Amino acid sequence: MAATAVSICSNALLMLGSQTINSFDDSVNLNRAQLCSNLYPTVRDDLLRAHPWNCCVKRIQLAPDSDAPVFEWTYAFQLPSDCLRVLEVVSRDCNIEYKLEGRSVLCDEASIGLRYIFKNTDENTWDSSLVGLATIAMAAALAYSITQSTSERDSREAALERALRRAKAVDGQEEPPETLGDERLLAARMGGGW
């Protein structure tokens, strides 16, 4: 079955012993549907921002805005509308100095590459561990409203923290380790030459 925002919320409600919803406009379970509809976008975006999930990373090339910053930096670049978190700003394949102000990247380069976490609203493209994590996060967000129990809420929040650590570790292990610094310099110091 394809993952959707509604299926994630329904499974979270099931975890709390509540009735599921068929849509965010479900007239039978209107209160639960509205609660899920209100909470889900914030929970999703916070979860996506929390880690550079492989299924939620994009790369694009940006051109500078026509209006330059008033002082200090030479160029300003508008962040994409779907950008939740900047991961890397590069020019000519090298990381550069930059500053984020509002929805702009300020720097001294005329063209930049941006690697960022985007607002991936197609849950069907998510990794299965991220779908499971989103379900646990929704259960934690809904716990008090559905059960009126602070101990249930606290238990769900603790479960979320454990699941988040595990999902981050699994996702992070799918990529090769990052290297730091100039490998040519390291090779020269170790006698490998250039």
Protein backbone atom coordinates (compact mmCIF):
# COMPACT_ATOMS: atom_id res chain seq x y z
CA MET A 1 0.00 0.00 0.00
CA ALA A 2 1.27 3.48 -0.88
CA ALA A 3 2.16 5.76 1.99
CA THR A 4 0.15 8.98 2.22
CA ALA A 5 -0.34 11.70 4.80
CA VAL A 6 -3.74 10.20 5.62
CA SER A 7 -2.39 6.65 6.01
CA ILE A 8 0.37 7.90 8.32
CA CYS A 9 -2.18 9.76 10.46
CA SER A 10 -4.57 6.80 10.46
CA ASN A 11 -1.84 4.44 11.61
CA ALA A 12 -0.88 6.90 14.35
CA LEU A 13 -4.51 6.96 15.51
CA LEU A 14 -4.55 3.15 15.51
CA MET A 15 -1.43 3.12 17.68
CA LEU A 16 -3.36 5.24 20.18
CA GLY A 17 -6.37 2.91 20.12
CA SER A 18 -8.54 5.37 18.20
CA GLN A 19 -10.63 5.11 15.04
CA THR A 20 -8.89 5.81 11.75
CA ILE A 21 -9.73 8.50 9.22
CA ASN A 22 -10.35 8.12 5.48
CA SER A 23 -9.35 11.67 4.56
CA PHE A 24 -8.58 15.00 6.18
CA ASP A 25 -12.21 15.94 5.37
CA ASP A 26 -13.67 12.75 6.90
CA SER A 27 -17.18 13.71 8.04
CA VAL A 28 -17.61 10.59 10.20
CA ASN A 29 -14.52 11.29 12.29
CA LEU A 30 -14.40 15.04 11.72
CA ASN A 31 -12.64 16.01 14.98
CA ARG A 32 -9.81 13.50 14.49
CA ALA A 33 -9.52 14.39 10.80
CA GLN A 34 -9.24 18.12 11.57
CA LEU A 35 -6.73 17.45 14.34
CA CYS A 36 -4.58 15.39 11.96
CA SER A 37 -4.97 17.95 9.18
CA ASN A 38 -3.80 20.74 11.50
CA LEU A 39 -0.86 18.89 13.08
CA TYR A 40 0.52 16.84 10.20
CA PRO A 41 2.20 19.58 8.08
CA THR A 42 4.17 20.89 11.07
CA VAL A 43 5.15 17.41 12.29
CA ARG A 44 6.21 16.43 8.74
CA ASP A 45 8.31 19.56 8.17
CA ASP A 46 9.99 19.31 11.60
CA LEU A 47 10.80 15.67 10.95
CA LEU A 48 12.23 16.37 7.49
CA ARG A 49 14.35 19.23 8.86
CA ALA A 50 15.75 17.03 11.64
CA HIS A 51 18.08 15.03 9.36
CA PRO A 52 19.28 15.06 5.74
CA TRP A 53 17.08 12.10 4.74
CA ASN A 54 18.33 10.70 1.44
CA CYS A 55 14.81 10.80 -0.03
CA CYS A 56 14.43 14.50 0.77
CA VAL A 57 17.64 16.05 -0.57
CA LYS A 58 17.89 18.12 -3.77
CA ARG A 59 20.66 19.92 -5.63
CA ILE A 60 20.14 23.00 -7.79
CA GLN A 61 22.15 25.79 -9.35
CA LEU A 62 21.09 29.33 -8.39
CA ALA A 63 21.53 32.65 -10.18
CA PRO A 64 21.84 35.86 -8.14
CA ASP A 65 18.91 38.17 -7.44
CA SER A 66 18.87 41.48 -9.27
CA ASP A 67 19.11 43.35 -5.94
CA ALA A 68 22.50 42.97 -4.25
CA PRO A 69 22.86 43.13 -0.45
CA VAL A 70 23.33 46.66 0.90
CA PHE A 71 26.71 45.85 2.49
CA GLU A 72 29.23 43.10 3.35
CA TRP A 73 28.22 40.55 0.68
CA THR A 74 28.26 40.96 -3.10
CA TYR A 75 25.35 38.70 -4.12
CA ALA A 76 22.02 37.47 -2.78
CA PHE A 77 20.27 34.29 -3.92
CA GLN A 78 16.62 33.46 -3.21
CA LEU A 79 16.12 30.07 -1.58
CA PRO A 80 13.74 27.72 -3.41
CA SER A 81 10.17 27.80 -2.09
CA ASP A 82 10.41 24.12 -1.06
CA CYS A 83 13.65 24.56 0.94
CA LEU A 84 13.35 23.45 4.56
CA ARG A 85 17.05 23.45 5.45
CA VAL A 86 20.29 24.38 3.67
CA LEU A 87 22.87 21.60 3.74
CA GLU A 88 25.65 22.94 1.53
CA VAL A 89 26.48 25.97 -0.62
CA VAL A 90 29.18 25.49 -3.25
CA SER A 91 30.83 27.36 -6.10
CA ARG A 92 33.08 25.59 -8.59
CA ASP A 93 32.76 22.37 -6.51
CA CYS A 94 34.15 24.01 -3.35
CA ASN A 95 32.28 24.95 -0.20
CA ILE A 96 32.12 28.70 0.21
CA GLU A 97 31.47 31.22 2.96
CA TYR A 98 27.87 32.38 3.06
CA LYS A 99 25.21 33.80 5.34
CA LEU A 100 21.52 32.95 5.49
CA GLU A 101 19.20 35.91 6.03
CA GLY A 102 15.49 35.32 5.78
CA ARG A 103 14.92 33.29 2.61
CA SER A 104 18.20 34.40 0.99
CA VAL A 105 21.76 33.12 0.76
CA LEU A 106 24.33 35.93 0.82
CA CYS A 107 27.84 35.34 -0.54
CA ASP A 108 30.57 36.75 -2.78
CA GLU A 109 30.17 34.24 -5.64
CA ALA A 110 28.22 35.07 -8.83
CA SER A 111 26.75 31.57 -9.15
CA ILE A 112 26.21 28.92 -6.51
CA GLY A 113 25.12 25.33 -6.16
CA LEU A 114 22.75 24.53 -3.33
CA ARG A 115 22.18 21.17 -1.66
CA TYR A 116 19.15 21.29 0.58
CA ILE A 117 16.35 19.41 2.29
CA PHE A 118 13.15 19.98 0.36
CA LYS A 119 9.57 19.77 1.53
CA ASN A 120 8.87 16.30 0.14
CA THR A 121 5.09 16.02 0.38
CA ASP A 122 4.96 12.78 -1.62
CA GLU A 123 5.17 10.29 1.23
CA ASN A 124 5.17 7.44 -1.28
CA THR A 125 8.76 8.43 -2.23
CA TRP A 126 9.95 8.25 1.39
CA ASP A 127 12.09 5.46 2.78
CA SER A 128 10.03 2.97 4.80
CA SER A 129 11.86 3.90 8.00
CA LEU A 130 10.91 7.57 7.50
CA VAL A 131 7.26 6.58 6.98
CA GLY A 132 7.38 4.59 10.22
CA LEU A 133 9.06 7.46 12.00
CA ALA A 134 6.42 9.91 10.76
CA THR A 135 3.73 7.59 12.11
CA ILE A 136 5.42 7.50 15.52
CA ALA A 137 5.85 11.30 15.43
CA MET A 138 2.15 11.77 14.67
CA ALA A 139 1.22 9.38 17.48
CA ALA A 140 3.34 11.49 19.84
CA ALA A 141 1.73 14.71 18.58
CA LEU A 142 -1.79 13.30 18.88
CA ALA A 143 -1.32 11.37 22.13
CA TYR A 144 -2.65 13.87 24.63
CA SER A 145 -5.48 15.13 22.42
CA ILE A 146 -6.73 11.59 21.77
CA THR A 147 -6.10 9.92 25.14
CA GLN A 148 -6.11 12.87 27.60
CA SER A 149 -3.17 11.10 29.29
CA THR A 150 0.12 12.87 30.04
CA SER A 151 1.82 9.53 30.70
CA GLU A 152 0.75 8.28 27.24
CA ARG A 153 2.08 11.50 25.69
CA ASP A 154 5.39 11.16 27.55
CA SER A 155 5.70 7.51 26.56
CA ARG A 156 5.07 8.33 22.89
CA GLU A 157 7.60 11.19 22.96
CA ALA A 158 10.25 8.86 24.45
CA ALA A 159 9.48 6.26 21.77
CA LEU A 160 9.85 8.97 19.13
CA GLU A 161 13.31 9.93 20.40
CA ARG A 162 14.48 6.29 20.25
CA ALA A 163 13.00 5.77 16.78
CA LEU A 164 14.53 9.02 15.51
CA ARG A 165 18.02 7.97 16.61
CA ARG A 166 17.60 4.56 14.96
CA ALA A 167 16.20 5.97 11.68
CA LYS A 168 18.98 8.59 11.46
CA ALA A 169 21.61 5.88 11.92
CA VAL A 170 20.10 3.67 9.21
CA ASP A 171 19.73 6.55 6.78
CA GLY A 172 23.26 7.81 7.48
CA GLN A 173 24.78 4.37 6.86
CA GLU A 174 23.53 4.34 3.28
CA GLU A 175 26.06 6.98 2.23
CA PRO A 176 29.84 6.71 2.04
CA PRO A 177 31.70 8.51 4.82
CA GLU A 178 32.49 12.15 4.17
CA THR A 179 36.14 13.12 3.82
CA LEU A 180 37.51 16.20 5.49
CA GLY A 181 40.07 18.48 3.94
CA ASP A 182 42.28 18.07 0.93
CA GLU A 183 43.06 14.41 0.21
CA ARG A 184 46.04 15.42 -1.96
CA LEU A 185 47.64 17.21 0.98
CA LEU A 186 47.06 14.19 3.22
CA ALA A 187 48.58 11.88 0.61
CA ALA A 188 51.64 14.14 0.31
CA ARG A 189 52.13 14.13 4.09
CA MET A 190 51.93 10.35 4.12
CA GLY A 191 54.57 10.11 1.38
CA GLY A 192 52.13 9.38 -1.46
CA GLY A 193 52.96 12.50 -3.42
CA TRP A 194 50.55 14.41 -5.63
